[in-house]
Amino acid sequence: MEVNVLNVSGKETGAKVQLPEAVFGVEPNDHAIYLDVKQFLANQRQGTHKAKQRNEIAGSTRKLHKQKGTGGARAGSIKSPLFNGGGRVFGPQPRDYSFKLNKKLKSLARKSALTYKAKDNSILVLEDFNFDSVKTKNYVQLVADLNCTNEKTLLVLGAANNNVYLSSRNLKKTKVITADQLNTYDVLNAGKLLLTTGAVKTLEEALAK
């Protein structure tokens, strides 16, 4: 798939870049995408939730009333889960939500997500660029020139660029990552995928296997 290369003003430079079929034209695997996104979201969870069981509650161990003759149910402890302020039965405990996925499956998921974006014509390729200074308005102007103001955008750079990253960080609908940080969730979550020519090369080297 051949696409035109744009500059930061949204104008065509006259150059074209080939999006390799092995990365942007595979047979999409929806289940691989599901598993990869599930793993990504699971890894975001801290898993620090905790409820106290009856042995962890601070309270008296005195028997509330005599065993028999009250006409009510037997009661031994104010910390019983039956009482307000008592322990919780089978409450949440701290846990690790992460799980393992094979590298080949994760690679297939990324290629499937990129293929969907390519099919939807949601990929724009930009020439490699830099900002002279860290200014949010520079990035706002870039997005406006590309007609993506009202869309979520994911900009993928070939290499880390602090000026571009910091200029975008204060904007809600934008995210800037390097090609080696690309993940299935971010690709699918973005309305438009902005790739620099350097990022296309890096993705081809990493995924076209």
N, C-alpha and C. Protein backbone atom coordinates (compact mmCIF):
# COMPACT_ATOMS: atom_id res chain seq x y z
N MET A 1 0.85 -1.19 0.00
CA MET A 1 0.00 0.00 0.00
C MET A 1 0.89 1.25 0.00
N GLU A 2 0.68 2.11 -0.99
CA GLU A 2 1.52 3.30 -1.13
C GLU A 2 0.75 4.53 -0.68
N VAL A 3 1.36 5.35 0.15
CA VAL A 3 0.71 6.57 0.62
C VAL A 3 1.64 7.77 0.43
N ASN A 4 1.03 8.94 0.31
CA ASN A 4 1.80 10.17 0.15
C ASN A 4 2.37 10.61 1.50
N VAL A 5 3.56 11.16 1.45
CA VAL A 5 4.20 11.69 2.66
C VAL A 5 3.83 13.16 2.81
N LEU A 6 3.37 13.55 4.00
CA LEU A 6 2.98 14.93 4.26
C LEU A 6 4.04 15.62 5.12
N ASN A 7 4.08 16.96 5.01
CA ASN A 7 4.94 17.72 5.92
C ASN A 7 4.10 18.19 7.11
N VAL A 8 4.71 18.94 8.03
CA VAL A 8 4.00 19.35 9.24
C VAL A 8 2.87 20.32 8.96
N SER A 9 2.83 20.88 7.75
CA SER A 9 1.74 21.78 7.37
C SER A 9 0.59 21.04 6.71
N GLY A 10 0.71 19.72 6.59
CA GLY A 10 -0.34 18.92 5.99
C GLY A 10 -0.29 18.89 4.48
N LYS A 11 0.76 19.45 3.89
CA LYS A 11 0.91 19.47 2.43
C LYS A 11 1.72 18.26 1.97
N GLU A 12 1.41 17.78 0.77
CA GLU A 12 2.15 16.65 0.21
C GLU A 12 3.56 17.09 -0.17
N THR A 13 4.53 16.26 0.16
CA THR A 13 5.92 16.60 -0.15
C THR A 13 6.33 16.11 -1.54
N GLY A 14 5.49 15.27 -2.15
CA GLY A 14 5.84 14.68 -3.44
C GLY A 14 6.44 13.29 -3.28
N ALA A 15 6.88 12.99 -2.07
CA ALA A 15 7.45 11.66 -1.81
C ALA A 15 6.33 10.68 -1.47
N LYS A 16 6.60 9.42 -1.70
CA LYS A 16 5.64 8.36 -1.34
C LYS A 16 6.37 7.32 -0.51
N VAL A 17 5.61 6.65 0.35
CA VAL A 17 6.21 5.59 1.15
C VAL A 17 5.33 4.34 1.04
N GLN A 18 5.98 3.21 1.00
CA GLN A 18 5.28 1.93 0.88
C GLN A 18 5.01 1.36 2.27
N LEU A 19 3.73 1.15 2.57
CA LEU A 19 3.38 0.48 3.83
C LEU A 19 3.42 -1.02 3.55
N PRO A 20 4.37 -1.74 4.14
CA PRO A 20 4.57 -3.15 3.79
C PRO A 20 3.34 -4.01 4.08
N GLU A 21 3.01 -4.89 3.14
CA GLU A 21 1.87 -5.79 3.28
C GLU A 21 2.02 -6.70 4.50
N ALA A 22 3.26 -7.04 4.82
CA ALA A 22 3.50 -7.97 5.93
C ALA A 22 3.14 -7.35 7.28
N VAL A 23 2.97 -6.03 7.31
CA VAL A 23 2.63 -5.34 8.56
C VAL A 23 1.24 -4.70 8.47
N PHE A 24 0.94 -4.07 7.34
CA PHE A 24 -0.30 -3.30 7.20
C PHE A 24 -1.34 -3.99 6.31
N GLY A 25 -1.06 -5.24 5.89
CA GLY A 25 -2.00 -5.92 4.99
C GLY A 25 -2.17 -7.38 5.32
N VAL A 26 -2.13 -7.73 6.60
CA VAL A 26 -2.28 -9.13 7.00
C VAL A 26 -3.76 -9.48 7.15
N GLU A 27 -4.04 -10.76 7.36
CA GLU A 27 -5.41 -11.18 7.67
C GLU A 27 -5.65 -10.90 9.15
N PRO A 28 -6.52 -9.96 9.50
CA PRO A 28 -6.68 -9.58 10.91
C PRO A 28 -7.20 -10.74 11.76
N ASN A 29 -6.67 -10.85 12.96
CA ASN A 29 -7.10 -11.87 13.91
C ASN A 29 -7.73 -11.17 15.11
N ASP A 30 -9.06 -11.18 15.16
CA ASP A 30 -9.77 -10.44 16.20
C ASP A 30 -9.52 -10.99 17.59
N HIS A 31 -9.34 -12.31 17.69
CA HIS A 31 -9.13 -12.89 19.01
C HIS A 31 -7.75 -12.50 19.56
N ALA A 32 -6.75 -12.42 18.67
CA ALA A 32 -5.42 -11.96 19.10
C ALA A 32 -5.50 -10.53 19.61
N ILE A 33 -6.28 -9.69 18.91
CA ILE A 33 -6.47 -8.30 19.34
C ILE A 33 -7.13 -8.26 20.72
N TYR A 34 -8.16 -9.09 20.90
CA TYR A 34 -8.88 -9.13 22.17
C TYR A 34 -7.93 -9.49 23.32
N LEU A 35 -7.11 -10.50 23.11
CA LEU A 35 -6.20 -10.95 24.17
C LEU A 35 -5.15 -9.89 24.48
N ASP A 36 -4.62 -9.25 23.44
CA ASP A 36 -3.58 -8.25 23.65
C ASP A 36 -4.13 -7.03 24.38
N VAL A 37 -5.32 -6.58 23.98
CA VAL A 37 -5.95 -5.44 24.65
C VAL A 37 -6.30 -5.80 26.10
N LYS A 38 -6.79 -7.02 26.30
CA LYS A 38 -7.12 -7.49 27.65
C LYS A 38 -5.88 -7.47 28.53
N GLN A 39 -4.76 -7.93 27.99
CA GLN A 39 -3.51 -7.93 28.76
C GLN A 39 -3.05 -6.51 29.06
N PHE A 40 -3.14 -5.62 28.07
CA PHE A 40 -2.72 -4.22 28.26
C PHE A 40 -3.52 -3.57 29.38
N LEU A 41 -4.84 -3.74 29.37
CA LEU A 41 -5.69 -3.12 30.39
C LEU A 41 -5.48 -3.78 31.75
N ALA A 42 -5.24 -5.10 31.75
CA ALA A 42 -4.99 -5.80 33.02
C ALA A 42 -3.70 -5.28 33.66
N ASN A 43 -2.70 -4.98 32.82
CA ASN A 43 -1.42 -4.51 33.34
C ASN A 43 -1.52 -3.10 33.93
N GLN A 44 -2.58 -2.35 33.57
CA GLN A 44 -2.77 -1.01 34.12
C GLN A 44 -3.31 -1.06 35.55
N ARG A 45 -3.87 -2.21 35.94
CA ARG A 45 -4.52 -2.31 37.25
C ARG A 45 -3.48 -2.46 38.36
N GLN A 46 -3.63 -1.68 39.41
CA GLN A 46 -2.69 -1.75 40.52
C GLN A 46 -2.94 -2.98 41.38
N GLY A 47 -4.20 -3.40 41.46
CA GLY A 47 -4.52 -4.59 42.25
C GLY A 47 -4.31 -4.40 43.74
N THR A 48 -4.44 -3.16 44.22
CA THR A 48 -4.19 -2.88 45.65
C THR A 48 -5.48 -2.88 46.48
N HIS A 49 -6.60 -3.34 45.88
CA HIS A 49 -7.87 -3.37 46.62
C HIS A 49 -7.78 -4.35 47.80
N LYS A 50 -8.42 -3.97 48.89
CA LYS A 50 -8.34 -4.81 50.08
C LYS A 50 -9.53 -4.52 51.00
N ALA A 51 -10.21 -5.59 51.43
CA ALA A 51 -11.24 -5.46 52.45
C ALA A 51 -10.84 -6.31 53.66
N LYS A 52 -11.19 -5.86 54.86
CA LYS A 52 -10.78 -6.57 56.07
C LYS A 52 -11.70 -7.77 56.36
N GLN A 53 -11.06 -8.88 56.72
CA GLN A 53 -11.81 -10.04 57.18
C GLN A 53 -12.06 -9.90 58.68
N ARG A 54 -12.85 -10.81 59.24
CA ARG A 54 -13.25 -10.64 60.64
C ARG A 54 -12.06 -10.68 61.60
N ASN A 55 -10.99 -11.39 61.23
CA ASN A 55 -9.83 -11.45 62.11
C ASN A 55 -8.97 -10.19 62.05
N GLU A 56 -9.28 -9.28 61.10
CA GLU A 56 -8.49 -8.05 60.96
C GLU A 56 -9.22 -6.82 61.51
N ILE A 57 -10.48 -6.98 61.86
CA ILE A 57 -11.27 -5.86 62.37
C ILE A 57 -10.85 -5.52 63.81
N ALA A 58 -10.74 -4.22 64.12
CA ALA A 58 -10.47 -3.79 65.50
C ALA A 58 -11.79 -3.75 66.25
N GLY A 59 -11.89 -4.54 67.29
CA GLY A 59 -13.13 -4.56 68.05
C GLY A 59 -13.04 -5.52 69.21
N SER A 60 -14.04 -5.47 70.07
CA SER A 60 -14.05 -6.31 71.26
C SER A 60 -14.28 -7.77 70.89
N THR A 61 -13.73 -8.66 71.71
CA THR A 61 -13.97 -10.09 71.52
C THR A 61 -15.00 -10.61 72.54
N ARG A 62 -15.62 -9.68 73.26
CA ARG A 62 -16.63 -10.06 74.26
C ARG A 62 -17.83 -10.70 73.58
N LYS A 63 -18.37 -11.75 74.21
CA LYS A 63 -19.60 -12.33 73.68
C LYS A 63 -20.74 -11.35 73.92
N LEU A 64 -21.54 -11.11 72.88
CA LEU A 64 -22.53 -10.03 72.92
C LEU A 64 -23.64 -10.28 73.93
N HIS A 65 -24.10 -11.51 74.00
CA HIS A 65 -25.11 -11.86 74.99
C HIS A 65 -25.04 -13.35 75.23
N LYS A 66 -25.77 -13.80 76.22
CA LYS A 66 -25.67 -15.23 76.56
C LYS A 66 -26.13 -16.09 75.40
N GLN A 67 -25.66 -17.32 75.40
CA GLN A 67 -25.89 -18.21 74.27
C GLN A 67 -27.37 -18.53 74.08
N LYS A 68 -28.06 -18.79 75.18
CA LYS A 68 -29.44 -19.27 75.07
C LYS A 68 -30.40 -18.39 75.86
N GLY A 69 -31.64 -18.45 75.45
CA GLY A 69 -32.68 -17.82 76.24
C GLY A 69 -33.04 -16.41 75.83
N THR A 70 -32.40 -15.87 74.80
CA THR A 70 -32.73 -14.49 74.40
C THR A 70 -33.84 -14.44 73.36
N GLY A 71 -34.11 -15.58 72.74
CA GLY A 71 -35.11 -15.59 71.67
C GLY A 71 -34.52 -15.19 70.33
N GLY A 72 -33.25 -14.73 70.34
CA GLY A 72 -32.59 -14.31 69.10
C GLY A 72 -31.54 -15.31 68.67
N ALA A 73 -30.86 -14.97 67.61
CA ALA A 73 -29.82 -15.87 67.10
C ALA A 73 -28.60 -15.82 68.00
N ARG A 74 -27.81 -16.89 67.95
CA ARG A 74 -26.56 -16.94 68.72
C ARG A 74 -25.60 -15.88 68.18
N ALA A 75 -24.88 -15.21 69.04
CA ALA A 75 -23.91 -14.19 68.60
C ALA A 75 -22.69 -14.26 69.48
N GLY A 76 -21.53 -14.41 68.88
CA GLY A 76 -20.29 -14.54 69.64
C GLY A 76 -19.39 -13.34 69.55
N SER A 77 -19.47 -12.58 68.43
CA SER A 77 -18.50 -11.50 68.24
C SER A 77 -19.11 -10.35 67.44
N ILE A 78 -18.78 -9.13 67.85
CA ILE A 78 -19.25 -7.94 67.13
C ILE A 78 -18.58 -7.83 65.76
N LYS A 79 -17.48 -8.60 65.59
CA LYS A 79 -16.72 -8.55 64.33
C LYS A 79 -17.27 -9.51 63.27
N SER A 80 -18.37 -10.18 63.61
CA SER A 80 -18.99 -11.11 62.67
C SER A 80 -19.45 -10.38 61.40
N PRO A 81 -19.31 -11.00 60.25
CA PRO A 81 -19.76 -10.37 58.99
C PRO A 81 -21.25 -10.08 58.98
N LEU A 82 -22.01 -10.66 59.92
CA LEU A 82 -23.45 -10.41 59.96
C LEU A 82 -23.79 -9.03 60.49
N PHE A 83 -22.84 -8.40 61.20
CA PHE A 83 -23.13 -7.12 61.83
C PHE A 83 -22.51 -5.95 61.05
N ASN A 84 -23.20 -4.82 61.18
CA ASN A 84 -22.67 -3.60 60.57
C ASN A 84 -21.32 -3.25 61.21
N GLY A 85 -20.30 -3.03 60.37
CA GLY A 85 -18.98 -2.76 60.91
C GLY A 85 -18.15 -4.00 61.12
N GLY A 86 -18.73 -5.17 60.82
CA GLY A 86 -17.99 -6.41 60.95
C GLY A 86 -17.11 -6.68 59.74
N GLY A 87 -16.49 -7.85 59.73
CA GLY A 87 -15.60 -8.20 58.62
C GLY A 87 -16.38 -8.48 57.35
N ARG A 88 -15.64 -8.56 56.25
CA ARG A 88 -16.25 -8.83 54.95
C ARG A 88 -15.96 -10.28 54.56
N VAL A 89 -17.00 -10.98 54.09
CA VAL A 89 -16.81 -12.37 53.66
C VAL A 89 -16.34 -12.39 52.21
N PHE A 90 -15.22 -13.06 51.95
CA PHE A 90 -14.69 -13.21 50.59
C PHE A 90 -14.50 -11.85 49.89
N GLY A 91 -14.03 -10.86 50.65
CA GLY A 91 -13.81 -9.53 50.06
C GLY A 91 -12.58 -9.52 49.16
N PRO A 92 -12.37 -8.43 48.42
CA PRO A 92 -11.22 -8.34 47.52
C PRO A 92 -9.90 -8.34 48.29
N GLN A 93 -8.91 -9.02 47.74
CA GLN A 93 -7.58 -9.08 48.32
C GLN A 93 -6.57 -8.56 47.30
N PRO A 94 -5.44 -8.03 47.73
CA PRO A 94 -4.42 -7.57 46.76
C PRO A 94 -4.01 -8.71 45.83
N ARG A 95 -3.93 -8.41 44.54
CA ARG A 95 -3.54 -9.44 43.59
C ARG A 95 -2.92 -8.82 42.35
N ASP A 96 -2.21 -9.63 41.60
CA ASP A 96 -1.57 -9.21 40.37
C ASP A 96 -2.43 -9.67 39.20
N TYR A 97 -2.91 -8.73 38.37
CA TYR A 97 -3.81 -9.07 37.28
C TYR A 97 -3.08 -9.42 35.98
N SER A 98 -1.76 -9.24 35.95
CA SER A 98 -1.04 -9.46 34.70
C SER A 98 -1.02 -10.94 34.33
N PHE A 99 -0.93 -11.21 33.04
CA PHE A 99 -0.82 -12.59 32.56
C PHE A 99 0.06 -12.61 31.32
N LYS A 100 0.55 -13.77 30.98
CA LYS A 100 1.54 -13.91 29.91
C LYS A 100 0.86 -14.14 28.56
N LEU A 101 1.42 -13.54 27.52
CA LEU A 101 1.02 -13.82 26.15
C LEU A 101 2.28 -14.10 25.33
N ASN A 102 2.17 -14.96 24.35
CA ASN A 102 3.31 -15.26 23.49
C ASN A 102 3.66 -14.07 22.61
N LYS A 103 4.96 -13.92 22.31
CA LYS A 103 5.42 -12.79 21.50
C LYS A 103 4.78 -12.79 20.11
N LYS A 104 4.65 -13.99 19.53
CA LYS A 104 4.09 -14.07 18.17
C LYS A 104 2.63 -13.62 18.15
N LEU A 105 1.89 -13.94 19.22
CA LEU A 105 0.49 -13.52 19.28
C LEU A 105 0.40 -12.00 19.43
N LYS A 106 1.25 -11.43 20.26
CA LYS A 106 1.23 -9.97 20.44
C LYS A 106 1.61 -9.27 19.15
N SER A 107 2.56 -9.83 18.43
CA SER A 107 2.97 -9.26 17.14
C SER A 107 1.81 -9.32 16.14
N LEU A 108 1.11 -10.47 16.11
CA LEU A 108 -0.04 -10.62 15.21
C LEU A 108 -1.13 -9.61 15.56
N ALA A 109 -1.34 -9.38 16.85
CA ALA A 109 -2.38 -8.43 17.29
C ALA A 109 -2.04 -7.02 16.80
N ARG A 110 -0.77 -6.62 16.93
CA ARG A 110 -0.37 -5.28 16.48
C ARG A 110 -0.55 -5.14 14.97
N LYS A 111 -0.13 -6.17 14.24
CA LYS A 111 -0.27 -6.13 12.78
C LYS A 111 -1.74 -6.10 12.37
N SER A 112 -2.58 -6.81 13.10
CA SER A 112 -4.01 -6.82 12.81
C SER A 112 -4.61 -5.43 13.04
N ALA A 113 -4.21 -4.78 14.14
CA ALA A 113 -4.71 -3.43 14.43
C ALA A 113 -4.25 -2.44 13.37
N LEU A 114 -2.99 -2.53 12.95
CA LEU A 114 -2.47 -1.63 11.91
C LEU A 114 -3.18 -1.88 10.58
N THR A 115 -3.51 -3.15 10.30
CA THR A 115 -4.22 -3.48 9.06
C THR A 115 -5.61 -2.85 9.04
N TYR A 116 -6.30 -2.91 10.18
CA TYR A 116 -7.63 -2.28 10.26
C TYR A 116 -7.53 -0.77 10.01
N LYS A 117 -6.50 -0.14 10.56
CA LYS A 117 -6.33 1.30 10.35
C LYS A 117 -6.05 1.61 8.88
N ALA A 118 -5.24 0.75 8.26
CA ALA A 118 -4.92 0.96 6.84
C ALA A 118 -6.16 0.79 5.97
N LYS A 119 -6.99 -0.21 6.30
CA LYS A 119 -8.21 -0.45 5.53
C LYS A 119 -9.19 0.72 5.67
N ASP A 120 -9.18 1.36 6.82
CA ASP A 120 -10.09 2.49 7.06
C ASP A 120 -9.52 3.82 6.57
N ASN A 121 -8.34 3.77 5.93
CA ASN A 121 -7.66 5.00 5.50
C ASN A 121 -7.45 5.97 6.65
N SER A 122 -7.10 5.42 7.80
CA SER A 122 -6.91 6.23 9.01
C SER A 122 -5.44 6.42 9.34
N ILE A 123 -4.57 6.20 8.35
CA ILE A 123 -3.13 6.37 8.58
C ILE A 123 -2.61 7.53 7.73
N LEU A 124 -1.91 8.44 8.38
CA LEU A 124 -1.21 9.53 7.69
C LEU A 124 0.28 9.37 7.94
N VAL A 125 1.08 9.53 6.88
CA VAL A 125 2.53 9.41 7.03
C VAL A 125 3.15 10.80 6.91
N LEU A 126 3.94 11.18 7.91
CA LEU A 126 4.59 12.49 7.93
C LEU A 126 6.10 12.32 7.75
N GLU A 127 6.71 13.33 7.16
CA GLU A 127 8.17 13.30 7.12
C GLU A 127 8.69 13.51 8.55
N ASP A 128 9.89 13.03 8.83
CA ASP A 128 10.47 13.22 10.16
C ASP A 128 10.61 14.71 10.44
N PHE A 129 10.21 15.13 11.63
CA PHE A 129 10.24 16.56 11.95
C PHE A 129 10.64 16.78 13.39
N ASN A 130 10.86 18.05 13.74
CA ASN A 130 11.21 18.43 15.10
C ASN A 130 10.66 19.83 15.37
N PHE A 131 10.38 20.13 16.62
CA PHE A 131 10.00 21.49 17.02
C PHE A 131 11.22 22.17 17.62
N ASP A 132 11.36 23.48 17.33
CA ASP A 132 12.50 24.22 17.87
C ASP A 132 12.44 24.35 19.38
N SER A 133 11.22 24.41 19.91
CA SER A 133 11.06 24.57 21.35
C SER A 133 9.81 23.82 21.80
N VAL A 134 9.65 23.73 23.11
CA VAL A 134 8.48 23.03 23.66
C VAL A 134 7.32 24.02 23.75
N LYS A 135 6.38 23.91 22.83
CA LYS A 135 5.21 24.79 22.84
C LYS A 135 3.98 23.98 22.43
N THR A 136 2.96 24.00 23.28
CA THR A 136 1.74 23.26 22.99
C THR A 136 1.10 23.75 21.71
N LYS A 137 1.17 25.05 21.45
CA LYS A 137 0.50 25.59 20.26
C LYS A 137 1.12 25.05 18.97
N ASN A 138 2.40 24.65 19.03
CA ASN A 138 3.01 24.04 17.85
C ASN A 138 2.31 22.73 17.50
N TYR A 139 2.04 21.94 18.53
CA TYR A 139 1.37 20.66 18.27
C TYR A 139 -0.09 20.85 17.89
N VAL A 140 -0.75 21.84 18.51
CA VAL A 140 -2.14 22.16 18.15
C VAL A 140 -2.22 22.53 16.67
N GLN A 141 -1.23 23.32 16.21
CA GLN A 141 -1.21 23.74 14.81
C GLN A 141 -0.98 22.54 13.89
N LEU A 142 -0.09 21.64 14.31
CA LEU A 142 0.18 20.44 13.52
C LEU A 142 -1.09 19.62 13.32
N VAL A 143 -1.82 19.39 14.42
CA VAL A 143 -3.05 18.59 14.34
C VAL A 143 -4.10 19.30 13.49
N ALA A 144 -4.18 20.63 13.61
CA ALA A 144 -5.15 21.40 12.83
C ALA A 144 -4.83 21.32 11.33
N ASP A 145 -3.55 21.43 10.98
CA ASP A 145 -3.15 21.36 9.56
C ASP A 145 -3.43 20.00 8.95
N LEU A 146 -3.48 18.98 9.80
CA LEU A 146 -3.75 17.62 9.30
C LEU A 146 -5.25 17.28 9.36
N ASN A 147 -6.08 18.29 9.72
CA ASN A 147 -7.54 18.12 9.82
C ASN A 147 -7.93 17.03 10.82
N CYS A 148 -7.23 16.99 11.95
CA CYS A 148 -7.50 15.97 12.96
C CYS A 148 -7.87 16.59 14.30
N THR A 149 -8.33 17.84 14.28
CA THR A 149 -8.57 18.57 15.52
C THR A 149 -9.59 17.86 16.41
N ASN A 150 -10.63 17.29 15.81
CA ASN A 150 -11.70 16.68 16.61
C ASN A 150 -11.55 15.17 16.77
N GLU A 151 -10.40 14.66 16.40
CA GLU A 151 -10.18 13.21 16.49
C GLU A 151 -9.07 12.90 17.48
N LYS A 152 -9.14 11.70 18.05
CA LYS A 152 -8.02 11.22 18.86
C LYS A 152 -6.89 10.87 17.90
N THR A 153 -5.69 11.35 18.20
CA THR A 153 -4.56 11.05 17.33
C THR A 153 -3.46 10.36 18.11
N LEU A 154 -2.81 9.43 17.44
CA LEU A 154 -1.64 8.75 17.99
C LEU A 154 -0.48 9.01 17.04
N LEU A 155 0.52 9.77 17.51
CA LEU A 155 1.70 10.06 16.70
C LEU A 155 2.80 9.08 17.08
N VAL A 156 3.30 8.35 16.08
CA VAL A 156 4.35 7.38 16.32
C VAL A 156 5.64 7.89 15.69
N LEU A 157 6.65 8.13 16.53
CA LEU A 157 7.93 8.65 16.06
C LEU A 157 8.93 7.51 15.88
N GLY A 158 9.89 7.72 14.99
CA GLY A 158 10.93 6.72 14.79
C GLY A 158 11.87 6.64 15.98
N ALA A 159 12.12 7.79 16.60
CA ALA A 159 13.01 7.85 17.77
C ALA A 159 12.46 8.90 18.73
N ALA A 160 12.89 8.83 19.98
CA ALA A 160 12.39 9.76 21.00
C ALA A 160 12.71 11.20 20.63
N ASN A 161 11.72 12.07 20.81
CA ASN A 161 11.88 13.50 20.53
C ASN A 161 11.21 14.27 21.66
N ASN A 162 12.01 14.82 22.55
CA ASN A 162 11.47 15.45 23.76
C ASN A 162 10.62 16.67 23.45
N ASN A 163 11.03 17.47 22.48
CA ASN A 163 10.26 18.68 22.16
C ASN A 163 8.86 18.35 21.67
N VAL A 164 8.75 17.35 20.81
CA VAL A 164 7.44 16.95 20.27
C VAL A 164 6.59 16.33 21.38
N TYR A 165 7.20 15.45 22.17
CA TYR A 165 6.46 14.77 23.23
C TYR A 165 5.92 15.76 24.25
N LEU A 166 6.78 16.67 24.73
CA LEU A 166 6.36 17.63 25.75
C LEU A 166 5.34 18.62 25.21
N SER A 167 5.41 18.93 23.92
CA SER A 167 4.46 19.86 23.31
C SER A 167 3.06 19.25 23.24
N SER A 168 2.98 17.94 23.22
CA SER A 168 1.68 17.28 23.08
C SER A 168 1.08 16.86 24.41
N ARG A 169 1.89 16.88 25.46
CA ARG A 169 1.50 16.21 26.70
C ARG A 169 0.30 16.84 27.38
N ASN A 170 0.03 18.11 27.12
CA ASN A 170 -1.05 18.81 27.81
C ASN A 170 -2.38 18.73 27.05
N LEU A 171 -2.40 17.99 25.94
CA LEU A 171 -3.60 17.89 25.11
C LEU A 171 -4.31 16.57 25.37
N LYS A 172 -5.64 16.65 25.47
CA LYS A 172 -6.42 15.47 25.86
C LYS A 172 -6.43 14.38 24.80
N LYS A 173 -6.67 14.77 23.55
CA LYS A 173 -6.93 13.76 22.52
C LYS A 173 -5.69 13.33 21.76
N THR A 174 -4.52 13.63 22.28
CA THR A 174 -3.30 13.27 21.56
C THR A 174 -2.40 12.40 22.43
N LYS A 175 -1.64 11.57 21.75
CA LYS A 175 -0.64 10.76 22.44
C LYS A 175 0.54 10.61 21.50
N VAL A 176 1.74 10.74 22.04
CA VAL A 176 2.97 10.60 21.25
C VAL A 176 3.80 9.48 21.85
N ILE A 177 4.16 8.51 20.99
CA ILE A 177 5.00 7.40 21.43
C ILE A 177 6.06 7.14 20.36
N THR A 178 7.04 6.33 20.70
CA THR A 178 8.01 5.88 19.69
C THR A 178 7.55 4.53 19.15
N ALA A 179 8.11 4.15 18.01
CA ALA A 179 7.66 2.93 17.33
C ALA A 179 7.83 1.70 18.19
N ASP A 180 8.86 1.68 19.02
CA ASP A 180 9.08 0.50 19.86
C ASP A 180 8.12 0.44 21.05
N GLN A 181 7.33 1.50 21.26
CA GLN A 181 6.32 1.51 22.32
C GLN A 181 4.92 1.20 21.80
N LEU A 182 4.80 0.97 20.49
CA LEU A 182 3.49 0.77 19.88
C LEU A 182 2.77 -0.42 20.50
N ASN A 183 1.50 -0.23 20.84
CA ASN A 183 0.70 -1.34 21.36
C ASN A 183 -0.68 -1.32 20.72
N THR A 184 -1.31 -2.48 20.75
CA THR A 184 -2.60 -2.67 20.06
C THR A 184 -3.67 -1.72 20.59
N TYR A 185 -3.73 -1.54 21.90
CA TYR A 185 -4.78 -0.70 22.49
C TYR A 185 -4.70 0.73 21.97
N ASP A 186 -3.51 1.32 21.99
CA ASP A 186 -3.36 2.71 21.56
C ASP A 186 -3.72 2.88 20.08
N VAL A 187 -3.35 1.89 19.26
CA VAL A 187 -3.67 1.97 17.82
C VAL A 187 -5.18 1.99 17.62
N LEU A 188 -5.88 1.08 18.30
CA LEU A 188 -7.33 0.99 18.11
C LEU A 188 -8.07 2.15 18.78
N ASN A 189 -7.49 2.70 19.83
CA ASN A 189 -8.14 3.80 20.57
C ASN A 189 -8.05 5.12 19.82
N ALA A 190 -7.11 5.21 18.89
CA ALA A 190 -6.92 6.47 18.14
C ALA A 190 -7.82 6.51 16.91
N GLY A 191 -8.33 7.71 16.61
CA GLY A 191 -9.10 7.88 15.37
C GLY A 191 -8.18 7.94 14.17
N LYS A 192 -7.07 8.68 14.31
CA LYS A 192 -6.08 8.80 13.24
C LYS A 192 -4.72 8.36 13.75
N LEU A 193 -4.03 7.60 12.94
CA LEU A 193 -2.69 7.13 13.28
C LEU A 193 -1.70 7.92 12.44
N LEU A 194 -0.84 8.69 13.10
CA LEU A 194 0.15 9.52 12.41
C LEU A 194 1.51 8.85 12.54
N LEU A 195 2.07 8.42 11.44
CA LEU A 195 3.37 7.75 11.45
C LEU A 195 4.41 8.62 10.77
N THR A 196 5.58 8.75 11.34
CA THR A 196 6.68 9.40 10.63
C THR A 196 7.34 8.34 9.75
N THR A 197 8.09 8.79 8.77
CA THR A 197 8.76 7.84 7.86
C THR A 197 9.73 6.95 8.64
N GLY A 198 10.36 7.52 9.66
CA GLY A 198 11.26 6.73 10.49
C GLY A 198 10.52 5.64 11.25
N ALA A 199 9.29 5.95 11.68
CA ALA A 199 8.49 4.97 12.41
C ALA A 199 8.08 3.82 11.51
N VAL A 200 7.75 4.13 10.25
CA VAL A 200 7.36 3.08 9.30
C VAL A 200 8.51 2.08 9.12
N LYS A 201 9.73 2.60 9.01
CA LYS A 201 10.91 1.72 8.86
C LYS A 201 11.09 0.84 10.09
N THR A 202 10.98 1.46 11.27
CA THR A 202 11.17 0.72 12.51
C THR A 202 10.11 -0.38 12.67
N LEU A 203 8.86 -0.05 12.34
CA LEU A 203 7.78 -1.03 12.46
C LEU A 203 7.98 -2.19 11.49
N GLU A 204 8.46 -1.85 10.30
CA GLU A 204 8.72 -2.91 9.30
C GLU A 204 9.80 -3.86 9.80
N GLU A 205 10.85 -3.29 10.37
CA GLU A 205 11.97 -4.13 10.87
C GLU A 205 11.51 -5.00 12.05
N ALA A 206 10.61 -4.44 12.89
CA ALA A 206 10.20 -5.16 14.09
C ALA A 206 9.11 -6.19 13.84
N LEU A 207 8.19 -5.89 12.92
CA LEU A 207 6.99 -6.73 12.77
C LEU A 207 6.95 -7.57 11.51
N ALA A 208 7.69 -7.20 10.48
CA ALA A 208 7.61 -7.93 9.20
C ALA A 208 8.49 -9.18 9.24
N LYS A 209 8.13 -10.09 10.12
CA LYS A 209 8.90 -11.34 10.26
C LYS A 209 7.99 -12.53 10.07
